[in-house]
Amino acid sequence: MTPFFNFDISLTTIILLSVSALCILFLLTFYRSRVARIAKHQKKCNEAENDSCNISTDDIYHSDSGFDITPSTLPSASVIVYCNDDATNLAQLLPQILEQDYPAPFEVIVVNDGSVESTSDVVNQLEMTYHNLYLTYTPDRSRSLSRKKLALTIGIKAARYEVVVTVNANSRIHSSQWLSLITRNFDESTDVVIGYATPDASTDTYPGRRRRAFDRVAEATTYLSAALGKAPYRGFSYNLAYRRECFFNNKGFSRSLNLHFGDDDVFVNEITTSFNTQVELSNDSIVECQFYDPVETHKILKRRYSYTSRYLRKRYRTFFGISSLTFWIWLLTSLTAIIISLPNLFPAAIALILSLILWIPITSTWRGAMNALQSRKLRFSIPWLIMTRPFYNAIYKLNSRRNYRRNHTWLKK
C-alpha cells in the first residue's frame, strides 16, 4: 500500500481524531439545536400554532392579510415611541402604527426627548386625524441620568393601558398586523414579549458588512434561543412589550440608574422568569431599523451590550462560549492529527469527511436563522465568521471596559 494513504495509523492519531469526532457530536447535538430554535419558532409563529403563539381556536376572525387573530384575547395596548430629534423618521413611522389593524383599544405616546420643536410639529399635525396619538417630553435640562430610561418612564407613566410596546422613531413597520402579532402572546401568565428588530441589510454596503450581519444574528440567536429555552435575559427596545404592572412592581429602572443603558437588557433580565416570557418571530412582527451610519451604529450598540452583559444571566452565553471553544478544539485536534501523520494522507481524508459532517448542517442551520431574522444571506463565509467571532467579541469587551465613563450616568464622558 502506498505510504501516502496507509490505513495503519498511530494511537495518538486515533485519539486526536476521536476527540475531533466527539467535538462534532457535541456541536451537532446541542449547539445546532439551539441555533435551529430560531427558524423553527418562526415557522410555528407564522403558522399560528397554539403551543408557540398562544392563539385560541375559539372566537377568531380572519384579517385582510390572511392571518387569524383572536380579538377577545388581545389586550389594550400603549405604544411608546422614543424620539430623539428624529422628526423625519417619526413622520414615516407614526402612520404605520396608527393605522394598525387592531381590534382592541390602543394609543400611541411619543416621548420627545428634549422637547425638539420639529418632533412636536409632526405629532401636532397627526393629532388632528388620529385621536389616540399623544405627545409628552423629557425636560432638556435633565442631566446625570439615562435620558432614554427617563423618556420610557415618562411614557409608561402616561400610558392608560395594561400593555406597553416600545419602539424607536427610526423604525419601520411593514405590516398592519404588527401590534396584533406582538400582543397576541399575552395571557394570564405572560408579562413580557420579546420581538425582533433588524437593520435593512441592503443599506449596509461598507466593508465588513458580512461580519456585522452575522454578529447581529449570532447575538440575537443567543438571547432569543435563551428565551425560547425558558431562560430569558435580554430584549431589544425597538420591539419589546411588557405589562405596566410589571414595570412598576420592579420600580422601573431604579436598579440600573447608574447606567446610561440597560433599558432592554438589564431591565429585561430583572423582570423575566422562565414562565412569564414569550417570543414573537413571525415575519410581519419584525421591525426594521433605519440607521444613518450602519457601521458606527453597530460599533456603538456592540460596545453598549458588551458592557451591560456583566449584569445579565450567564447560562446561555456560557454555553455558546463553550461551543466556540469546542470548534477550536475540533480544529486543533484535526490539524494535529493530519500533521503528525504526514506523509500518510489517510487521517487527512478522515478529518475532511468529519469537517463536512460538521459544517454542512451547521452552515445550513445558520442560514435558516439568518433568513428567519431577515438578515444578509451568507454561505461560505459562515465557518470563518463562527471561528473568529470570539476574538471579535473580545475586542469589544476590552474596548467597553476602557470606556468605563461612557457607561455610567454619574461620571462625565
Protein backbone atom coordinates (compact mmCIF):
# COMPACT_ATOMS: atom_id res chain seq x y z
CA MET A 1 0.00 0.00 0.00
CA THR A 2 1.28 3.47 -0.85
CA PRO A 3 2.82 5.37 2.09
CA PHE A 4 0.66 8.35 1.12
CA PHE A 5 -2.54 6.51 2.00
CA ASN A 6 -1.92 3.94 4.74
CA PHE A 7 -4.67 2.59 6.99
CA ASP A 8 -2.10 1.86 9.69
CA ILE A 9 -2.21 4.98 11.89
CA SER A 10 -0.79 5.64 15.34
CA LEU A 11 -2.69 5.51 18.61
CA THR A 12 -2.10 9.25 19.09
CA THR A 13 -3.72 9.99 15.75
CA ILE A 14 -6.69 7.78 16.63
CA ILE A 15 -7.15 9.64 19.93
CA LEU A 16 -6.93 13.02 18.23
CA LEU A 17 -9.48 12.06 15.57
CA SER A 18 -11.74 10.60 18.25
CA VAL A 19 -11.66 13.89 20.19
CA SER A 20 -12.44 15.71 16.95
CA ALA A 21 -15.41 13.41 16.37
CA LEU A 22 -16.68 13.96 19.91
CA CYS A 23 -16.50 17.72 19.40
CA ILE A 24 -18.54 17.35 16.23
CA LEU A 25 -21.09 15.19 18.03
CA PHE A 26 -21.49 17.85 20.76
CA LEU A 27 -21.84 20.68 18.25
CA LEU A 28 -24.37 18.87 16.09
CA THR A 29 -26.39 17.62 19.03
CA PHE A 30 -26.52 20.63 21.35
CA TYR A 31 -25.15 23.73 19.62
CA ARG A 32 -27.01 23.22 16.34
CA SER A 33 -30.30 22.53 18.11
CA ARG A 34 -30.16 25.89 19.90
CA VAL A 35 -29.45 27.77 16.69
CA ALA A 36 -32.22 25.86 14.95
CA ARG A 37 -34.77 27.09 17.51
CA ILE A 38 -35.00 30.45 15.73
CA ALA A 39 -36.21 29.20 12.35
CA LYS A 40 -38.40 26.53 13.97
CA HIS A 41 -40.11 29.03 16.25
CA GLN A 42 -40.68 31.48 13.42
CA LYS A 43 -42.30 28.75 11.37
CA LYS A 44 -44.62 27.97 14.27
CA CYS A 45 -45.48 31.63 14.73
CA ASN A 46 -46.17 32.05 11.03
CA GLU A 47 -48.48 29.07 11.13
CA ALA A 48 -50.15 30.45 14.28
CA GLU A 49 -49.81 27.19 16.16
CA ASN A 50 -51.39 27.14 19.60
CA ASP A 51 -48.36 25.87 21.51
CA SER A 52 -45.96 28.60 20.38
CA CYS A 53 -48.18 31.62 19.83
CA ASN A 54 -50.95 31.23 22.41
CA ILE A 55 -53.68 31.56 19.77
CA SER A 56 -57.02 30.11 20.79
CA THR A 57 -59.13 28.40 18.14
CA ASP A 58 -62.27 29.93 19.66
CA ASP A 59 -63.71 33.28 18.59
CA ILE A 60 -61.31 34.12 15.78
CA TYR A 61 -61.66 36.48 12.87
CA HIS A 62 -59.86 36.49 9.56
CA SER A 63 -57.90 39.64 8.76
CA ASP A 64 -57.25 41.01 5.28
CA SER A 65 -53.69 39.74 5.48
CA GLY A 66 -54.88 36.17 5.85
CA PHE A 67 -53.72 35.83 9.45
CA ASP A 68 -56.12 34.59 12.11
CA ILE A 69 -56.28 36.84 15.21
CA THR A 70 -58.33 36.49 18.38
CA PRO A 71 -59.76 39.91 19.34
CA SER A 72 -61.24 38.60 22.57
CA THR A 73 -57.75 37.81 23.88
CA LEU A 74 -55.89 40.90 22.64
CA PRO A 75 -55.16 43.37 25.46
CA SER A 76 -55.49 47.13 25.29
CA ALA A 77 -52.07 48.48 24.40
CA SER A 78 -49.99 51.65 24.67
CA VAL A 79 -47.22 52.03 22.08
CA ILE A 80 -44.36 54.15 23.45
CA VAL A 81 -42.31 55.80 20.69
CA TYR A 82 -38.97 57.24 21.78
CA CYS A 83 -37.85 60.15 19.58
CA ASN A 84 -34.54 61.95 19.93
CA ASP A 85 -34.54 64.75 17.33
CA ASP A 86 -35.64 62.45 14.51
CA ALA A 87 -38.76 64.09 13.10
CA THR A 88 -38.16 62.82 9.55
CA ASN A 89 -38.28 59.15 10.55
CA LEU A 90 -41.06 59.79 13.06
CA ALA A 91 -43.29 61.23 10.32
CA GLN A 92 -42.99 57.95 8.42
CA LEU A 93 -43.35 55.67 11.43
CA LEU A 94 -46.43 57.13 13.14
CA PRO A 95 -48.95 56.39 10.34
CA GLN A 96 -47.62 52.83 10.22
CA ILE A 97 -48.51 52.41 13.90
CA LEU A 98 -51.71 54.46 13.97
CA GLU A 99 -53.19 52.53 11.05
CA GLN A 100 -52.64 49.12 12.64
CA ASP A 101 -55.48 46.66 12.17
CA TYR A 102 -56.00 46.24 15.91
CA PRO A 103 -59.45 45.29 17.25
CA ALA A 104 -58.76 46.28 20.87
CA PRO A 105 -58.23 49.86 22.14
CA PHE A 106 -54.70 51.20 21.69
CA GLU A 107 -52.88 54.51 21.94
CA VAL A 108 -49.58 55.89 20.69
CA ILE A 109 -47.46 58.03 23.00
CA VAL A 110 -44.50 59.86 21.51
CA VAL A 111 -41.86 60.85 24.05
CA ASN A 112 -40.00 63.85 22.66
CA ASP A 113 -36.52 63.76 24.16
CA GLY A 114 -35.53 67.37 24.84
CA SER A 115 -38.77 68.94 23.55
CA VAL A 116 -37.49 69.28 19.98
CA GLU A 117 -39.86 71.57 18.03
CA SER A 118 -39.77 69.60 14.77
CA THR A 119 -40.92 66.47 16.61
CA SER A 120 -43.81 68.38 18.18
CA ASP A 121 -44.83 69.69 14.76
CA VAL A 122 -45.08 66.16 13.34
CA VAL A 123 -47.23 64.95 16.23
CA ASN A 124 -49.45 68.03 16.34
CA GLN A 125 -50.25 67.67 12.66
CA LEU A 126 -51.21 63.99 13.00
CA GLU A 127 -53.22 64.57 16.20
CA MET A 128 -55.90 66.28 14.12
CA THR A 129 -56.53 62.98 12.31
CA TYR A 130 -55.67 60.40 14.96
CA HIS A 131 -57.27 60.97 18.35
CA ASN A 132 -55.33 58.16 20.03
CA LEU A 133 -51.99 59.93 19.47
CA TYR A 134 -50.37 61.80 22.36
CA LEU A 135 -47.15 63.71 22.97
CA THR A 136 -45.01 64.12 26.07
CA TYR A 137 -41.40 65.12 26.52
CA THR A 138 -38.34 64.89 28.73
CA PRO A 139 -37.00 68.15 30.19
CA ASP A 140 -33.98 69.33 28.25
CA ARG A 141 -32.26 70.33 31.49
CA SER A 142 -32.14 66.75 32.77
CA ARG A 143 -28.55 65.70 33.34
CA SER A 144 -26.55 62.91 35.03
CA LEU A 145 -29.11 60.28 34.12
CA SER A 146 -30.11 57.99 31.28
CA ARG A 147 -32.33 60.11 29.05
CA LYS A 148 -33.67 57.00 27.29
CA LYS A 149 -34.75 55.47 30.60
CA LEU A 150 -36.27 58.78 31.72
CA ALA A 151 -38.20 59.04 28.45
CA LEU A 152 -39.55 55.50 28.70
CA THR A 153 -40.53 56.04 32.34
CA ILE A 154 -42.46 59.20 31.43
CA GLY A 155 -44.17 57.42 28.55
CA ILE A 156 -45.13 54.40 30.65
CA LYS A 157 -46.49 56.61 33.44
CA ALA A 158 -48.60 58.45 30.86
CA ALA A 159 -49.90 55.18 29.37
CA ARG A 160 -53.51 54.25 30.09
CA TYR A 161 -53.48 50.62 29.05
CA GLU A 162 -52.16 47.44 30.62
CA VAL A 163 -49.58 46.51 27.99
CA VAL A 164 -46.84 48.82 26.72
CA VAL A 165 -44.94 48.22 23.49
CA THR A 166 -41.70 50.14 22.91
CA VAL A 167 -40.28 51.24 19.55
CA ASN A 168 -37.88 53.96 18.38
CA ALA A 169 -38.64 56.76 15.95
CA ASN A 170 -36.16 55.36 13.41
CA SER A 171 -38.21 52.18 12.98
CA ARG A 172 -40.26 50.92 10.06
CA ILE A 173 -43.30 48.68 10.47
CA HIS A 174 -44.33 46.99 7.24
CA SER A 175 -47.43 45.12 8.37
CA SER A 176 -50.78 46.31 9.72
CA GLN A 177 -50.80 43.16 11.88
CA TRP A 178 -47.59 44.01 13.80
CA LEU A 179 -49.29 45.11 17.02
CA SER A 180 -51.68 42.16 17.00
CA LEU A 181 -48.83 39.73 16.48
CA ILE A 182 -46.82 41.13 19.39
CA THR A 183 -49.70 41.37 21.86
CA ARG A 184 -51.36 38.06 20.97
CA ASN A 185 -48.78 36.35 23.20
CA PHE A 186 -50.12 37.94 26.39
CA ASP A 187 -52.15 35.67 28.60
CA GLU A 188 -52.57 35.28 32.36
CA SER A 189 -49.01 34.00 32.82
CA THR A 190 -47.19 36.25 30.31
CA ASP A 191 -45.69 39.58 31.37
CA VAL A 192 -43.04 40.08 28.67
CA VAL A 193 -42.98 39.53 24.91
CA ILE A 194 -39.64 39.75 23.14
CA GLY A 195 -39.84 40.73 19.49
CA TYR A 196 -37.06 41.32 17.00
CA ALA A 197 -35.80 44.34 15.07
CA THR A 198 -33.16 44.39 12.36
CA PRO A 199 -31.49 46.94 10.10
CA ASP A 200 -32.27 46.82 6.40
CA ALA A 201 -29.46 44.61 5.10
CA SER A 202 -29.33 46.46 1.79
CA THR A 203 -28.31 49.75 3.45
CA ASP A 204 -25.01 48.37 4.74
CA THR A 205 -22.73 48.34 1.72
CA TYR A 206 -19.49 49.04 3.58
CA PRO A 207 -16.52 46.71 4.17
CA GLY A 208 -17.17 44.25 6.99
CA ARG A 209 -20.90 44.05 6.26
CA ARG A 210 -20.90 40.24 6.38
CA ARG A 211 -19.18 40.29 9.76
CA ARG A 212 -21.72 42.79 11.13
CA ALA A 213 -24.67 40.87 9.71
CA PHE A 214 -23.53 37.59 11.20
CA ASP A 215 -22.66 39.19 14.53
CA ARG A 216 -26.14 40.71 14.87
CA VAL A 217 -27.81 37.39 14.12
CA ALA A 218 -25.45 35.47 16.40
CA GLU A 219 -26.14 37.89 19.26
CA ALA A 220 -29.88 37.69 18.66
CA THR A 221 -29.76 33.91 18.38
CA THR A 222 -28.14 33.72 21.79
CA TYR A 223 -30.77 35.74 23.66
CA LEU A 224 -33.75 34.54 21.60
CA SER A 225 -32.84 30.87 21.98
CA ALA A 226 -32.35 31.51 25.69
CA ALA A 227 -35.86 32.94 25.93
CA LEU A 228 -37.23 30.00 23.94
CA GLY A 229 -35.35 27.73 26.36
CA LYS A 230 -37.09 29.38 29.35
CA ALA A 231 -34.02 31.38 30.37
CA PRO A 232 -34.75 34.93 29.06
CA TYR A 233 -32.29 37.68 29.87
CA ARG A 234 -32.49 40.32 27.12
CA GLY A 235 -34.67 42.02 24.52
CA PHE A 236 -34.36 44.91 22.09
CA SER A 237 -36.17 48.20 22.81
CA TYR A 238 -37.07 48.63 19.14
CA ASN A 239 -39.63 45.82 19.50
CA LEU A 240 -40.37 44.91 23.10
CA ALA A 241 -43.60 44.60 25.10
CA TYR A 242 -44.38 44.18 28.80
CA ARG A 243 -47.08 44.89 31.32
CA ARG A 244 -47.17 48.28 33.07
CA GLU A 245 -47.76 46.48 36.35
CA CYS A 246 -44.55 44.50 35.84
CA PHE A 247 -42.66 47.76 35.23
CA PHE A 248 -43.93 49.41 38.40
CA ASN A 249 -43.55 46.29 40.54
CA ASN A 250 -39.89 46.30 39.54
CA LYS A 251 -39.72 50.03 40.44
CA GLY A 252 -38.94 50.79 36.82
CA PHE A 253 -35.27 51.17 36.01
CA SER A 254 -34.31 52.01 39.61
CA ARG A 255 -31.78 49.17 39.90
CA SER A 256 -29.78 50.37 36.91
CA LEU A 257 -29.99 54.14 37.28
CA ASN A 258 -26.21 54.27 37.42
CA LEU A 259 -26.04 53.03 33.81
CA HIS A 260 -26.77 55.04 30.68
CA PHE A 261 -28.01 51.86 29.02
CA GLY A 262 -29.74 48.66 30.07
CA ASP A 263 -33.38 49.56 29.35
CA ASP A 264 -33.73 46.46 27.17
CA ASP A 265 -31.23 44.02 28.67
CA VAL A 266 -30.58 44.76 32.36
CA PHE A 267 -34.27 45.61 32.84
CA VAL A 268 -35.49 42.55 30.93
CA ASN A 269 -33.06 40.41 32.92
CA GLU A 270 -34.70 41.71 36.11
CA ILE A 271 -38.37 41.24 35.19
CA THR A 272 -38.30 37.97 33.23
CA THR A 273 -38.66 34.46 34.59
CA SER A 274 -38.81 31.04 32.98
CA PHE A 275 -42.62 31.25 32.92
CA ASN A 276 -43.59 34.86 32.16
CA THR A 277 -41.88 35.46 28.80
CA GLN A 278 -42.83 34.71 25.20
CA VAL A 279 -41.01 35.28 21.90
CA GLU A 280 -42.68 36.57 18.73
CA LEU A 281 -40.79 36.00 15.48
CA SER A 282 -43.41 35.88 12.75
CA ASN A 283 -42.36 37.67 9.57
CA ASP A 284 -44.84 40.52 9.96
CA SER A 285 -43.87 41.14 13.58
CA ILE A 286 -40.25 42.01 12.78
CA VAL A 287 -39.43 45.73 12.88
CA GLU A 288 -36.92 47.33 10.52
CA CYS A 289 -34.41 49.86 11.90
CA GLN A 290 -33.21 52.83 9.88
CA PHE A 291 -29.61 53.71 10.76
CA TYR A 292 -27.90 56.63 9.03
CA ASP A 293 -24.48 55.13 9.68
CA PRO A 294 -24.79 51.32 10.00
CA VAL A 295 -21.08 50.85 10.70
CA GLU A 296 -20.87 53.31 13.59
CA THR A 297 -24.25 52.27 14.97
CA HIS A 298 -23.15 48.65 15.08
CA LYS A 299 -20.00 49.65 16.97
CA ILE A 300 -21.96 51.72 19.49
CA LEU A 301 -24.54 49.01 20.17
CA LYS A 302 -21.84 46.35 20.36
CA ARG A 303 -19.91 48.33 22.97
CA ARG A 304 -23.05 49.00 25.00
CA TYR A 305 -24.18 45.41 25.16
CA SER A 306 -20.63 44.20 25.75
CA TYR A 307 -20.51 46.34 28.89
CA THR A 308 -24.00 45.65 30.27
CA SER A 309 -23.65 41.90 29.67
CA ARG A 310 -21.87 41.61 33.02
CA TYR A 311 -25.20 42.26 34.75
CA LEU A 312 -27.11 39.54 32.89
CA ARG A 313 -27.68 35.84 33.43
CA LYS A 314 -24.78 33.87 32.02
CA ARG A 315 -26.16 30.40 31.40
CA TYR A 316 -26.76 30.57 27.65
CA ARG A 317 -23.89 32.92 26.93
CA THR A 318 -21.63 30.46 28.74
CA PHE A 319 -22.99 27.62 26.61
CA PHE A 320 -22.24 29.46 23.36
CA GLY A 321 -18.81 30.32 24.72
CA ILE A 322 -18.14 26.64 25.40
CA SER A 323 -19.36 25.86 21.90
CA SER A 324 -16.89 28.36 20.43
CA LEU A 325 -14.11 26.64 22.38
CA THR A 326 -15.31 23.27 21.07
CA PHE A 327 -14.99 24.49 17.49
CA TRP A 328 -11.36 25.38 18.17
CA ILE A 329 -10.67 22.05 19.88
CA TRP A 330 -12.08 20.32 16.80
CA LEU A 331 -9.83 22.37 14.52
CA LEU A 332 -6.65 21.92 16.56
CA THR A 333 -7.10 18.18 17.06
CA SER A 334 -7.85 17.68 13.36
CA LEU A 335 -4.84 19.69 12.23
CA THR A 336 -2.55 17.97 14.73
CA ALA A 337 -3.72 14.53 13.60
CA ILE A 338 -3.00 15.47 9.98
CA ILE A 339 0.44 16.97 10.66
CA ILE A 340 1.83 14.16 12.82
CA SER A 341 0.66 11.56 10.28
CA LEU A 342 2.35 13.08 7.23
CA PRO A 343 3.11 11.87 4.60
CA ASN A 344 0.18 9.47 5.28
CA LEU A 345 -2.95 11.23 3.98
CA PHE A 346 -5.48 8.75 5.39
CA PRO A 347 -6.02 10.81 8.62
CA ALA A 348 -6.41 13.91 6.44
CA ALA A 349 -9.17 12.15 4.47
CA ILE A 350 -10.93 11.22 7.72
CA ALA A 351 -10.60 14.80 9.01
CA LEU A 352 -12.02 16.13 5.75
CA ILE A 353 -15.03 13.83 5.95
CA LEU A 354 -15.60 14.84 9.59
CA SER A 355 -15.36 18.51 8.68
CA LEU A 356 -18.04 18.07 6.00
CA ILE A 357 -20.24 16.24 8.51
CA LEU A 358 -19.83 19.25 10.82
CA TRP A 359 -20.04 22.24 8.53
CA ILE A 360 -22.77 21.29 6.07
CA PRO A 361 -25.52 21.06 8.72
CA ILE A 362 -24.08 23.91 10.82
CA THR A 363 -23.96 26.26 7.82
CA SER A 364 -27.45 25.23 6.74
CA THR A 365 -28.82 25.88 10.24
CA TRP A 366 -27.21 29.31 10.47
CA ARG A 367 -28.57 30.21 7.03
CA GLY A 368 -32.01 29.29 8.30
CA ALA A 369 -31.59 31.55 11.33
CA MET A 370 -30.34 34.44 9.20
CA ASN A 371 -33.24 34.03 6.80
CA ALA A 372 -35.71 33.96 9.70
CA LEU A 373 -34.23 37.16 11.12
CA GLN A 374 -34.25 38.85 7.70
CA SER A 375 -30.50 39.27 7.57
CA ARG A 376 -28.00 39.29 4.74
CA LYS A 377 -27.68 35.92 3.02
CA LEU A 378 -24.37 34.24 3.84
CA ARG A 379 -22.97 30.86 2.88
CA PHE A 380 -19.27 30.03 2.57
CA SER A 381 -18.14 32.76 4.98
CA ILE A 382 -20.17 31.33 7.89
CA PRO A 383 -17.48 28.89 9.15
CA TRP A 384 -14.87 31.66 9.16
CA LEU A 385 -17.23 34.06 10.96
CA ILE A 386 -18.09 31.43 13.59
CA MET A 387 -14.45 30.60 14.28
CA THR A 388 -13.29 34.21 14.57
CA ARG A 389 -16.25 35.68 16.45
CA PRO A 390 -14.77 35.02 19.95
CA PHE A 391 -11.83 37.29 19.07
CA TYR A 392 -14.20 39.90 17.63
CA ASN A 393 -16.20 39.84 20.88
CA ALA A 394 -13.06 40.07 22.99
CA ILE A 395 -12.00 43.26 21.23
CA TYR A 396 -15.33 44.95 22.02
CA LYS A 397 -15.35 43.63 25.57
CA LEU A 398 -11.96 45.18 26.17
CA ASN A 399 -12.98 48.41 24.47
CA SER A 400 -16.15 48.71 26.58
CA ARG A 401 -14.14 48.40 29.78
CA ARG A 402 -11.70 51.06 28.66
CA ASN A 403 -14.63 53.41 28.06
CA TYR A 404 -15.96 52.98 31.59
CA ARG A 405 -17.09 56.59 31.90
CA ARG A 406 -19.37 56.40 28.87
CA ASN A 407 -21.48 53.74 30.53
CA HIS A 408 -22.25 55.44 33.85
CA THR A 409 -24.59 58.35 34.47
CA TRP A 410 -22.64 59.71 37.42
CA LEU A 411 -19.37 60.08 35.52
CA LYS A 412 -18.57 62.65 32.87
CA LYS A 413 -17.97 61.14 29.44
